[in-house]
C-alpha cells in the first residue's frame, strides 16, 4: 500500500497539452484614426487678451480675403481670354459674312441686268411683231451660303454671355438676316426655275441647243414676259436685302457696336430705287 502511494506520488506526469491555435484568442488591433481632410493647426498659445483674440480673427479674415481675391483675379483673366477668343471668332465670321454677301450681290446685279435686256427684247418683239431672238445670260458663278459658324458655336457653349448686350443683339439680328436672305434666295431661284422651264419649251435640244421662238404665240410671249418680270422682282427684293446686310456688316467691321447705328447703316446702304 505504501509502495503504491509512493509510486503514484513520485511517478513522472505527462506534459500538459498546449491550447490549439483555433481556441487561442486573436490579438486586438488598434483602429487607425482617419486622416483629417484639413490639417488644422491649433494656436501655439491661447489668446491672453481681447487684443490677441481680434488680431487672430483679423489674420484669418485677411487670409480668406487674399485667397478669394486671387481666385477672382484668375477667373477674371480667364474670362478676358475667353472673351478675346469669342470676339476674334466673330470678327472672322463678319469677314466671311461680308465676302459671301458681296458675291451674292454681284450675282444678282448681273442677273437683273440680263433680265432687263431680255425684257426689252421681248417687248420690242411684241410691239413690232418680230421674231424673238435667243436669250443670252451670263453664267452663274459659284457662291457660298452666308453663315455665322463661330457665333453659333459660342451660343452652344454659352460663351456668348461674355459679350455685351448690344453685341448679342447685333449678332442675333445678323442671324435672323441670314435666315431671311435664304428665304428670299429661294423665292428668286423658284422664279428662275419657272422662267428656265418656259424657255426650254422652245429649245431645239437640251442643254446646248439653240432657241426657236418663231412658233411662239402672243399669248405665250406675254406669259414669258410675266415670268421675266416676276424673276426680276424677286431678284431685286433679294438684292435690296443683301445691300442691307452689306451695310450692317461693313459698319460692324469698322468698329460700330451700337445697335441703332448698325440698323441705320443697313437702311442707308439700300439704293433709293430699291426702297
C-alpha atoms as a PDB file:
ATOM      1  CA  UNK A   1       0.000   0.000   0.000  1.00  0.00           C
ATOM      2  CA  UNK A   2       2.833   2.422   0.879  1.00  0.00           C
ATOM      3  CA  UNK A   3       4.683   1.447  -2.290  1.00  0.00           C
ATOM      4  CA  UNK A   4       1.631   2.177  -4.401  1.00  0.00           C
ATOM      5  CA  UNK A   5       1.175   5.594  -2.891  1.00  0.00           C
ATOM      6  CA  UNK A   6       4.881   6.360  -3.277  1.00  0.00           C
ATOM      7  CA  UNK A   7       4.837   5.272  -6.903  1.00  0.00           C
ATOM      8  CA  UNK A   8       1.820   7.373  -7.643  1.00  0.00           C
ATOM      9  CA  UNK A   9       3.218  10.425  -5.926  1.00  0.00           C
ATOM     10  CA  UNK A  10       6.657  10.340  -7.484  1.00  0.00           C
ATOM     11  CA  UNK A  11       5.772   8.968 -10.967  1.00  0.00           C
ATOM     12  CA  UNK A  12       6.625  11.409 -13.843  1.00  0.00           C
ATOM     13  CA  UNK A  13       3.490  13.169 -15.193  1.00  0.00           C
ATOM     14  CA  UNK A  14       2.914  13.881 -18.930  1.00  0.00           C
ATOM     15  CA  UNK A  15       3.346  17.474 -20.170  1.00  0.00           C
ATOM     16  CA  UNK A  16       0.144  19.444 -20.349  1.00  0.00           C
ATOM     17  CA  UNK A  17      -1.368  19.779 -23.872  1.00  0.00           C
ATOM     18  CA  UNK A  18      -0.974  23.324 -25.163  1.00  0.00           C
ATOM     19  CA  UNK A  19      -4.153  25.007 -26.403  1.00  0.00           C
ATOM     20  CA  UNK A  20      -4.869  24.691 -30.072  1.00  0.00           C
ATOM     21  CA  UNK A  21      -4.459  27.818 -32.273  1.00  0.00           C
ATOM     22  CA  UNK A  22      -8.170  27.740 -33.072  1.00  0.00           C
ATOM     23  CA  UNK A  23      -9.017  28.286 -29.423  1.00  0.00           C
ATOM     24  CA  UNK A  24      -6.409  30.992 -28.788  1.00  0.00           C
ATOM     25  CA  UNK A  25      -7.849  34.485 -28.739  1.00  0.00           C
ATOM     26  CA  UNK A  26      -6.743  36.831 -31.568  1.00  0.00           C
ATOM     27  CA  UNK A  27      -4.816  39.892 -30.527  1.00  0.00           C
ATOM     28  CA  UNK A  28      -6.884  43.042 -30.675  1.00  0.00           C
ATOM     29  CA  UNK A  29      -5.654  45.536 -33.292  1.00  0.00           C
ATOM     30  CA  UNK A  30      -5.685  49.215 -32.578  1.00  0.00           C
ATOM     31  CA  UNK A  31      -8.112  51.007 -35.002  1.00  0.00           C
ATOM     32  CA  UNK A  32      -6.412  53.544 -37.254  1.00  0.00           C
ATOM     33  CA  UNK A  33      -7.551  57.114 -36.876  1.00  0.00           C
ATOM     34  CA  UNK A  34      -8.985  58.626 -40.099  1.00  0.00           C
ATOM     35  CA  UNK A  35      -6.807  61.188 -41.814  1.00  0.00           C
ATOM     36  CA  UNK A  36      -8.396  64.602 -41.423  1.00  0.00           C
ATOM     37  CA  UNK A  37      -9.452  66.406 -44.631  1.00  0.00           C
ATOM     38  CA  UNK A  38      -7.823  69.619 -43.497  1.00  0.00           C
ATOM     39  CA  UNK A  39      -4.664  69.857 -41.489  1.00  0.00           C
ATOM     40  CA  UNK A  40      -5.816  72.301 -38.835  1.00  0.00           C
ATOM     41  CA  UNK A  41      -3.089  73.631 -36.612  1.00  0.00           C
ATOM     42  CA  UNK A  42      -4.234  74.889 -33.230  1.00  0.00           C
ATOM     43  CA  UNK A  43      -2.909  78.141 -31.971  1.00  0.00           C
ATOM     44  CA  UNK A  44       0.506  77.932 -30.339  1.00  0.00           C
ATOM     45  CA  UNK A  45      -0.820  79.635 -27.289  1.00  0.00           C
ATOM     46  CA  UNK A  46      -4.188  80.721 -26.074  1.00  0.00           C
ATOM     47  CA  UNK A  47      -5.262  84.330 -26.529  1.00  0.00           C
ATOM     48  CA  UNK A  48      -4.358  86.144 -23.363  1.00  0.00           C
ATOM     49  CA  UNK A  49      -6.350  89.275 -24.136  1.00  0.00           C
ATOM     50  CA  UNK A  50      -9.100  90.654 -26.332  1.00  0.00           C
ATOM     51  CA  UNK A  51      -6.402  92.312 -28.438  1.00  0.00           C
ATOM     52  CA  UNK A  52      -4.768  88.940 -29.163  1.00  0.00           C
ATOM     53  CA  UNK A  53      -8.160  87.476 -29.994  1.00  0.00           C
ATOM     54  CA  UNK A  54      -9.036  90.181 -32.520  1.00  0.00           C
ATOM     55  CA  UNK A  55      -5.575  90.051 -34.074  1.00  0.00           C
ATOM     56  CA  UNK A  56      -6.053  86.309 -34.572  1.00  0.00           C
ATOM     57  CA  UNK A  57      -9.503  86.783 -36.157  1.00  0.00           C
ATOM     58  CA  UNK A  58      -8.215  89.603 -38.373  1.00  0.00           C
ATOM     59  CA  UNK A  59      -5.384  87.383 -39.603  1.00  0.00           C
ATOM     60  CA  UNK A  60      -7.867  84.662 -40.581  1.00  0.00           C
ATOM     61  CA  UNK A  61     -10.171  87.142 -42.332  1.00  0.00           C
ATOM     62  CA  UNK A  62      -7.265  88.730 -44.200  1.00  0.00           C
ATOM     63  CA  UNK A  63      -6.091  85.322 -45.387  1.00  0.00           C
ATOM     64  CA  UNK A  64      -9.564  84.495 -46.652  1.00  0.00           C
ATOM     65  CA  UNK A  65      -9.822  87.838 -48.457  1.00  0.00           C
ATOM     66  CA  UNK A  66      -6.466  87.272 -50.160  1.00  0.00           C
ATOM     67  CA  UNK A  67      -7.453  83.736 -51.227  1.00  0.00           C
ATOM     68  CA  UNK A  68     -10.813  84.857 -52.636  1.00  0.00           C
ATOM     69  CA  UNK A  69      -9.174  87.817 -54.348  1.00  0.00           C
ATOM     70  CA  UNK A  70      -6.599  85.614 -56.028  1.00  0.00           C
ATOM     71  CA  UNK A  71      -9.295  83.212 -57.187  1.00  0.00           C
ATOM     72  CA  UNK A  72     -11.392  86.046 -58.625  1.00  0.00           C
ATOM     73  CA  UNK A  73      -8.343  87.550 -60.334  1.00  0.00           C
ATOM     74  CA  UNK A  74      -7.553  84.239 -62.029  1.00  0.00           C
ATOM     75  CA  UNK A  75     -11.206  83.889 -63.042  1.00  0.00           C
ATOM     76  CA  UNK A  76     -11.268  87.447 -64.391  1.00  0.00           C
ATOM     77  CA  UNK A  77      -8.242  86.936 -66.639  1.00  0.00           C
ATOM     78  CA  UNK A  78      -9.619  83.573 -67.775  1.00  0.00           C
ATOM     79  CA  UNK A  79     -12.885  85.233 -68.812  1.00  0.00           C
ATOM     80  CA  UNK A  80     -10.983  88.035 -70.531  1.00  0.00           C
ATOM     81  CA  UNK A  81      -9.079  85.451 -72.558  1.00  0.00           C
ATOM     82  CA  UNK A  82     -12.304  83.650 -73.466  1.00  0.00           C
ATOM     83  CA  UNK A  83     -13.945  86.949 -74.446  1.00  0.00           C
ATOM     84  CA  UNK A  84     -10.982  87.805 -76.672  1.00  0.00           C
ATOM     85  CA  UNK A  85     -11.271  84.424 -78.418  1.00  0.00           C
ATOM     86  CA  UNK A  86     -15.038  84.817 -78.898  1.00  0.00           C
ATOM     87  CA  UNK A  87     -14.649  88.287 -80.376  1.00  0.00           C
ATOM     88  CA  UNK A  88     -11.876  87.163 -82.710  1.00  0.00           C
ATOM     89  CA  UNK A  89     -14.121  84.346 -83.916  1.00  0.00           C
ATOM     90  CA  UNK A  90     -16.988  86.763 -84.504  1.00  0.00           C
ATOM     91  CA  UNK A  91     -14.739  89.107 -86.490  1.00  0.00           C
ATOM     92  CA  UNK A  92     -13.765  86.137 -88.651  1.00  0.00           C
ATOM     93  CA  UNK A  93     -17.494  85.413 -89.106  1.00  0.00           C
ATOM     94  CA  UNK A  94     -18.126  89.043 -90.104  1.00  0.00           C
ATOM     95  CA  UNK A  95     -15.386  88.972 -92.747  1.00  0.00           C
ATOM     96  CA  UNK A  96     -16.737  85.756 -94.282  1.00  0.00           C
ATOM     97  CA  UNK A  97     -20.281  87.108 -93.989  1.00  0.00           C
ATOM     98  CA  UNK A  98     -19.353  90.278 -95.907  1.00  0.00           C
ATOM     99  CA  UNK A  99     -17.459  88.350 -98.590  1.00  0.00           C
ATOM    100  CA  UNK A 100     -20.345  85.939 -99.179  1.00  0.00           C
ATOM    101  CA  UNK A 101     -22.911  88.752 -99.212  1.00  0.00           C
ATOM    102  CA  UNK A 102     -20.897  90.735-101.760  1.00  0.00           C
ATOM    103  CA  UNK A 103     -20.584  87.695-104.030  1.00  0.00           C
ATOM    104  CA  UNK A 104     -24.360  87.271-103.935  1.00  0.00           C
ATOM    105  CA  UNK A 105     -24.909  90.987-104.578  1.00  0.00           C
ATOM    106  CA  UNK A 106     -22.752  90.830-107.703  1.00  0.00           C
ATOM    107  CA  UNK A 107     -24.561  87.726-108.954  1.00  0.00           C
ATOM    108  CA  UNK A 108     -27.998  89.289-108.506  1.00  0.00           C
ATOM    109  CA  UNK A 109     -26.996  92.616-110.099  1.00  0.00           C
ATOM    110  CA  UNK A 110     -25.740  90.742-113.166  1.00  0.00           C
ATOM    111  CA  UNK A 111     -28.881  88.626-113.318  1.00  0.00           C
ATOM    112  CA  UNK A 112     -31.106  91.716-113.098  1.00  0.00           C
ATOM    113  CA  UNK A 113     -29.135  93.354-115.917  1.00  0.00           C
ATOM    114  CA  UNK A 114     -29.574  90.250-118.080  1.00  0.00           C
ATOM    115  CA  UNK A 115     -33.280  90.139-117.293  1.00  0.00           C
ATOM    116  CA  UNK A 116     -33.650  93.827-118.208  1.00  0.00           C
ATOM    117  CA  UNK A 117     -32.041  93.116-121.578  1.00  0.00           C
ATOM    118  CA  UNK A 118     -34.301  90.129-122.183  1.00  0.00           C
ATOM    119  CA  UNK A 119     -37.438  92.036-121.195  1.00  0.00           C
ATOM    120  CA  UNK A 120     -36.546  94.816-123.640  1.00  0.00           C
ATOM    121  CA  UNK A 121     -36.009  92.269-126.435  1.00  0.00           C
ATOM    122  CA  UNK A 122     -39.365  90.681-125.703  1.00  0.00           C
ATOM    123  CA  UNK A 123     -41.216  94.000-125.554  1.00  0.00           C
ATOM    124  CA  UNK A 124     -39.755  95.043-128.913  1.00  0.00           C
ATOM    125  CA  UNK A 125     -40.750  91.695-130.446  1.00  0.00           C
ATOM    126  CA  UNK A 126     -44.295  92.062-129.157  1.00  0.00           C
ATOM    127  CA  UNK A 127     -44.755  95.676-130.207  1.00  0.00           C
ATOM    128  CA  UNK A 128     -43.236  95.234-133.685  1.00  0.00           C
ATOM    129  CA  UNK A 129     -44.462  91.682-134.292  1.00  0.00           C
ATOM    130  CA  UNK A 130     -40.911  90.464-134.727  1.00  0.00           C
ATOM    131  CA  UNK A 131     -39.414  87.072-134.021  1.00  0.00           C
ATOM    132  CA  UNK A 132     -37.797  86.876-130.601  1.00  0.00           C
ATOM    133  CA  UNK A 133     -34.079  86.202-130.557  1.00  0.00           C
ATOM    134  CA  UNK A 134     -32.447  83.591-128.341  1.00  0.00           C
ATOM    135  CA  UNK A 135     -31.798  84.563-124.711  1.00  0.00           C
ATOM    136  CA  UNK A 136     -28.261  85.249-123.513  1.00  0.00           C
ATOM    137  CA  UNK A 137     -27.490  85.067-119.796  1.00  0.00           C
ATOM    138  CA  UNK A 138     -24.128  85.301-118.140  1.00  0.00           C
ATOM    139  CA  UNK A 139     -23.017  82.058-116.440  1.00  0.00           C
ATOM    140  CA  UNK A 140     -23.786  81.801-112.744  1.00  0.00           C
ATOM    141  CA  UNK A 141     -20.583  81.761-110.650  1.00  0.00           C
ATOM    142  CA  UNK A 142     -20.430  79.538-107.576  1.00  0.00           C
ATOM    143  CA  UNK A 143     -21.388  81.257-104.328  1.00  0.00           C
ATOM    144  CA  UNK A 144     -21.334  80.307-100.657  1.00  0.00           C
ATOM    145  CA  UNK A 145     -24.194  80.258 -98.201  1.00  0.00           C
ATOM    146  CA  UNK A 146     -23.955  83.117 -95.705  1.00  0.00           C
ATOM    147  CA  UNK A 147     -23.095  81.667 -92.298  1.00  0.00           C
ATOM    148  CA  UNK A 148     -22.097  82.593 -88.737  1.00  0.00           C
ATOM    149  CA  UNK A 149     -20.289  79.473 -87.572  1.00  0.00           C
ATOM    150  CA  UNK A 150     -18.285  80.908 -84.677  1.00  0.00           C
ATOM    151  CA  UNK A 151     -21.290  82.768 -83.273  1.00  0.00           C
ATOM    152  CA  UNK A 152     -23.327  79.554 -83.361  1.00  0.00           C
ATOM    153  CA  UNK A 153     -20.515  77.731 -81.531  1.00  0.00           C
ATOM    154  CA  UNK A 154     -20.343  80.498 -78.908  1.00  0.00           C
ATOM    155  CA  UNK A 155     -24.079  80.165 -78.310  1.00  0.00           C
ATOM    156  CA  UNK A 156     -23.836  76.411 -77.971  1.00  0.00           C
ATOM    157  CA  UNK A 157     -21.056  76.711 -75.356  1.00  0.00           C
ATOM    158  CA  UNK A 158     -22.764  79.632 -73.514  1.00  0.00           C
ATOM    159  CA  UNK A 159     -19.665  81.812 -74.092  1.00  0.00           C
ATOM    160  CA  UNK A 160     -21.896  84.276 -75.913  1.00  0.00           C
ATOM    161  CA  UNK A 161     -22.933  85.567 -72.467  1.00  0.00           C
ATOM    162  CA  UNK A 162     -19.487  87.162 -72.152  1.00  0.00           C
ATOM    163  CA  UNK A 163     -20.399  89.649 -74.889  1.00  0.00           C
ATOM    164  CA  UNK A 164     -22.135  92.939 -74.287  1.00  0.00           C
ATOM    165  CA  UNK A 165     -25.886  93.240 -74.693  1.00  0.00           C
ATOM    166  CA  UNK A 166     -25.517  95.289 -77.886  1.00  0.00           C
ATOM    167  CA  UNK A 167     -23.103  92.765 -79.371  1.00  0.00           C
ATOM    168  CA  UNK A 168     -25.514  89.911 -78.676  1.00  0.00           C
ATOM    169  CA  UNK A 169     -28.392  91.904 -80.219  1.00  0.00           C
ATOM    170  CA  UNK A 170     -26.350  92.799 -83.315  1.00  0.00           C
ATOM    171  CA  UNK A 171     -25.322  89.191 -83.869  1.00  0.00           C
ATOM    172  CA  UNK A 172     -28.860  87.999 -83.234  1.00  0.00           C
ATOM    173  CA  UNK A 173     -30.094  90.418 -85.906  1.00  0.00           C
ATOM    174  CA  UNK A 174     -27.418  89.124 -88.286  1.00  0.00           C
ATOM    175  CA  UNK A 175     -28.547  85.551 -87.660  1.00  0.00           C
ATOM    176  CA  UNK A 176     -32.149  86.493 -88.405  1.00  0.00           C
ATOM    177  CA  UNK A 177     -30.890  88.273 -91.510  1.00  0.00           C
ATOM    178  CA  UNK A 178     -29.178  85.116 -92.741  1.00  0.00           C
ATOM    179  CA  UNK A 179     -32.430  83.159 -92.409  1.00  0.00           C
ATOM    180  CA  UNK A 180     -34.424  85.871 -94.215  1.00  0.00           C
ATOM    181  CA  UNK A 181     -31.847  86.117 -97.014  1.00  0.00           C
ATOM    182  CA  UNK A 182     -32.084  82.356 -97.540  1.00  0.00           C
ATOM    183  CA  UNK A 183     -35.876  82.645 -97.854  1.00  0.00           C
ATOM    184  CA  UNK A 184     -35.537  85.469-100.403  1.00  0.00           C
ATOM    185  CA  UNK A 185     -32.921  83.484-102.330  1.00  0.00           C
ATOM    186  CA  UNK A 186     -35.275  80.520-102.544  1.00  0.00           C
ATOM    187  CA  UNK A 187     -38.048  82.750-103.956  1.00  0.00           C
ATOM    188  CA  UNK A 188     -35.645  84.146-106.567  1.00  0.00           C
ATOM    189  CA  UNK A 189     -34.430  80.681-107.511  1.00  0.00           C
ATOM    190  CA  UNK A 190     -38.002  79.416-107.833  1.00  0.00           C
ATOM    191  CA  UNK A 191     -38.781  82.284-110.221  1.00  0.00           C
ATOM    192  CA  UNK A 192     -35.655  81.391-112.214  1.00  0.00           C
ATOM    193  CA  UNK A 193     -36.723  77.741-112.436  1.00  0.00           C
ATOM    194  CA  UNK A 194     -40.121  78.769-113.841  1.00  0.00           C
ATOM    195  CA  UNK A 195     -38.546  81.048-116.457  1.00  0.00           C
ATOM    196  CA  UNK A 196     -35.979  78.416-117.497  1.00  0.00           C
ATOM    197  CA  UNK A 197     -38.694  75.757-117.788  1.00  0.00           C
ATOM    198  CA  UNK A 198     -40.672  78.027-120.128  1.00  0.00           C
ATOM    199  CA  UNK A 199     -37.630  78.790-122.292  1.00  0.00           C
ATOM    200  CA  UNK A 200     -36.797  75.095-122.651  1.00  0.00           C
ATOM    201  CA  UNK A 201     -40.153  74.598-124.374  1.00  0.00           C
ATOM    202  CA  UNK A 202     -38.628  76.452-127.343  1.00  0.00           C
ATOM    203  CA  UNK A 203     -35.138  74.911-127.185  1.00  0.00           C
ATOM    204  CA  UNK A 204     -34.333  72.548-130.027  1.00  0.00           C
ATOM    205  CA  UNK A 205     -32.138  70.309-127.862  1.00  0.00           C
ATOM    206  CA  UNK A 206     -31.112  70.326-124.221  1.00  0.00           C
ATOM    207  CA  UNK A 207     -28.837  71.638-122.795  1.00  0.00           C
ATOM    208  CA  UNK A 208     -26.881  73.470-125.511  1.00  0.00           C
ATOM    209  CA  UNK A 209     -29.301  73.610-128.420  1.00  0.00           C
ATOM    210  CA  UNK A 210     -30.478  76.936-129.889  1.00  0.00           C
ATOM    211  CA  UNK A 211     -33.845  78.521-129.093  1.00  0.00           C
ATOM    212  CA  UNK A 212     -36.523  79.000-131.723  1.00  0.00           C
ATOM    213  CA  UNK A 213     -39.378  81.297-130.731  1.00  0.00           C
ATOM    214  CA  UNK A 214     -40.800  81.512-134.246  1.00  0.00           C
ATOM    215  CA  UNK A 215     -43.790  79.395-133.271  1.00  0.00           C
ATOM    216  CA  UNK A 216     -44.475  81.287-130.031  1.00  0.00           C
ATOM    217  CA  UNK A 217     -47.889  82.913-129.956  1.00  0.00           C
ATOM    218  CA  UNK A 218     -48.531  86.396-128.495  1.00  0.00           C
ATOM    219  CA  UNK A 219     -50.209  84.730-125.522  1.00  0.00           C
ATOM    220  CA  UNK A 220     -47.143  82.630-124.877  1.00  0.00           C
ATOM    221  CA  UNK A 221     -44.846  85.623-125.279  1.00  0.00           C
ATOM    222  CA  UNK A 222     -46.905  87.585-122.755  1.00  0.00           C
ATOM    223  CA  UNK A 223     -46.686  84.644-120.387  1.00  0.00           C
ATOM    224  CA  UNK A 224     -42.922  84.689-120.906  1.00  0.00           C
ATOM    225  CA  UNK A 225     -42.840  88.434-120.186  1.00  0.00           C
ATOM    226  CA  UNK A 226     -44.670  87.846-116.916  1.00  0.00           C
ATOM    227  CA  UNK A 227     -42.147  85.194-115.857  1.00  0.00           C
ATOM    228  CA  UNK A 228     -39.224  87.500-116.660  1.00  0.00           C
ATOM    229  CA  UNK A 229     -40.727  90.380-114.694  1.00  0.00           C
ATOM    230  CA  UNK A 230     -41.522  88.111-111.723  1.00  0.00           C
ATOM    231  CA  UNK A 231     -37.920  86.892-111.628  1.00  0.00           C
ATOM    232  CA  UNK A 232     -36.629  90.469-111.810  1.00  0.00           C
ATOM    233  CA  UNK A 233     -38.866  91.488-108.922  1.00  0.00           C
ATOM    234  CA  UNK A 234     -37.644  88.563-106.798  1.00  0.00           C
ATOM    235  CA  UNK A 235     -34.020  89.297-107.654  1.00  0.00           C
ATOM    236  CA  UNK A 236     -34.470  92.978-106.813  1.00  0.00           C
ATOM    237  CA  UNK A 237     -36.017  92.114-103.433  1.00  0.00           C
ATOM    238  CA  UNK A 238     -33.163  89.751-102.688  1.00  0.00           C
ATOM    239  CA  UNK A 239     -30.553  92.297-103.793  1.00  0.00           C
ATOM    240  CA  UNK A 240     -32.078  95.035-101.634  1.00  0.00           C
ATOM    241  CA  UNK A 241     -31.843  92.839 -98.570  1.00  0.00           C
ATOM    242  CA  UNK A 242     -28.292  91.829 -99.417  1.00  0.00           C
ATOM    243  CA  UNK A 243     -27.432  95.532 -99.630  1.00  0.00           C
ATOM    244  CA  UNK A 244     -28.771  95.982 -96.091  1.00  0.00           C
ATOM    245  CA  UNK A 245     -26.665  93.069 -94.884  1.00  0.00           C
ATOM    246  CA  UNK A 246     -23.622  94.609 -96.577  1.00  0.00           C
ATOM    247  CA  UNK A 247     -24.178  97.935 -94.803  1.00  0.00           C
ATOM    248  CA  UNK A 248     -24.545  96.339 -91.384  1.00  0.00           C
ATOM    249  CA  UNK A 249     -21.510  94.076 -91.773  1.00  0.00           C
ATOM    250  CA  UNK A 250     -19.347  96.948 -93.028  1.00  0.00           C
ATOM    251  CA  UNK A 251     -20.278  99.130 -90.039  1.00  0.00           C
ATOM    252  CA  UNK A 252     -19.602  96.253 -87.653  1.00  0.00           C
ATOM    253  CA  UNK A 253     -16.150  95.609 -89.116  1.00  0.00           C
ATOM    254  CA  UNK A 254     -15.366  99.323 -88.785  1.00  0.00           C
ATOM    255  CA  UNK A 255     -15.937  99.004 -85.036  1.00  0.00           C
ATOM    256  CA  UNK A 256     -19.552 100.102 -84.663  1.00  0.00           C
ATOM    257  CA  UNK A 257     -21.271  98.306 -81.769  1.00  0.00           C
ATOM    258  CA  UNK A 258     -24.354 100.469 -81.247  1.00  0.00           C
ATOM    259  CA  UNK A 259     -27.388  98.536 -82.468  1.00  0.00           C
ATOM    260  CA  UNK A 260     -29.250 101.646 -83.680  1.00  0.00           C
ATOM    261  CA  UNK A 261     -26.222 102.812 -85.656  1.00  0.00           C
ATOM    262  CA  UNK A 262     -25.896  99.368 -87.219  1.00  0.00           C
ATOM    263  CA  UNK A 263     -29.547  99.431 -88.276  1.00  0.00           C
ATOM    264  CA  UNK A 264     -29.159 102.940 -89.683  1.00  0.00           C
ATOM    265  CA  UNK A 265     -26.164 101.740 -91.701  1.00  0.00           C
ATOM    266  CA  UNK A 266     -28.274  98.897 -93.088  1.00  0.00           C
ATOM    267  CA  UNK A 267     -31.044 101.261 -94.202  1.00  0.00           C
ATOM    268  CA  UNK A 268     -28.604 103.775 -95.704  1.00  0.00           C
ATOM    269  CA  UNK A 269     -26.954 101.065 -97.822  1.00  0.00           C
ATOM    270  CA  UNK A 270     -30.112 100.428 -99.878  1.00  0.00           C
ATOM    271  CA  UNK A 271     -30.244 102.494-103.050  1.00  0.00           C
ATOM    272  CA  UNK A 272     -33.258 104.853-103.385  1.00  0.00           C
ATOM    273  CA  UNK A 273     -34.631 102.855-106.344  1.00  0.00           C
ATOM    274  CA  UNK A 274     -34.955  99.795-104.100  1.00  0.00           C
ATOM    275  CA  UNK A 275     -36.853 101.397-101.196  1.00  0.00           C
END
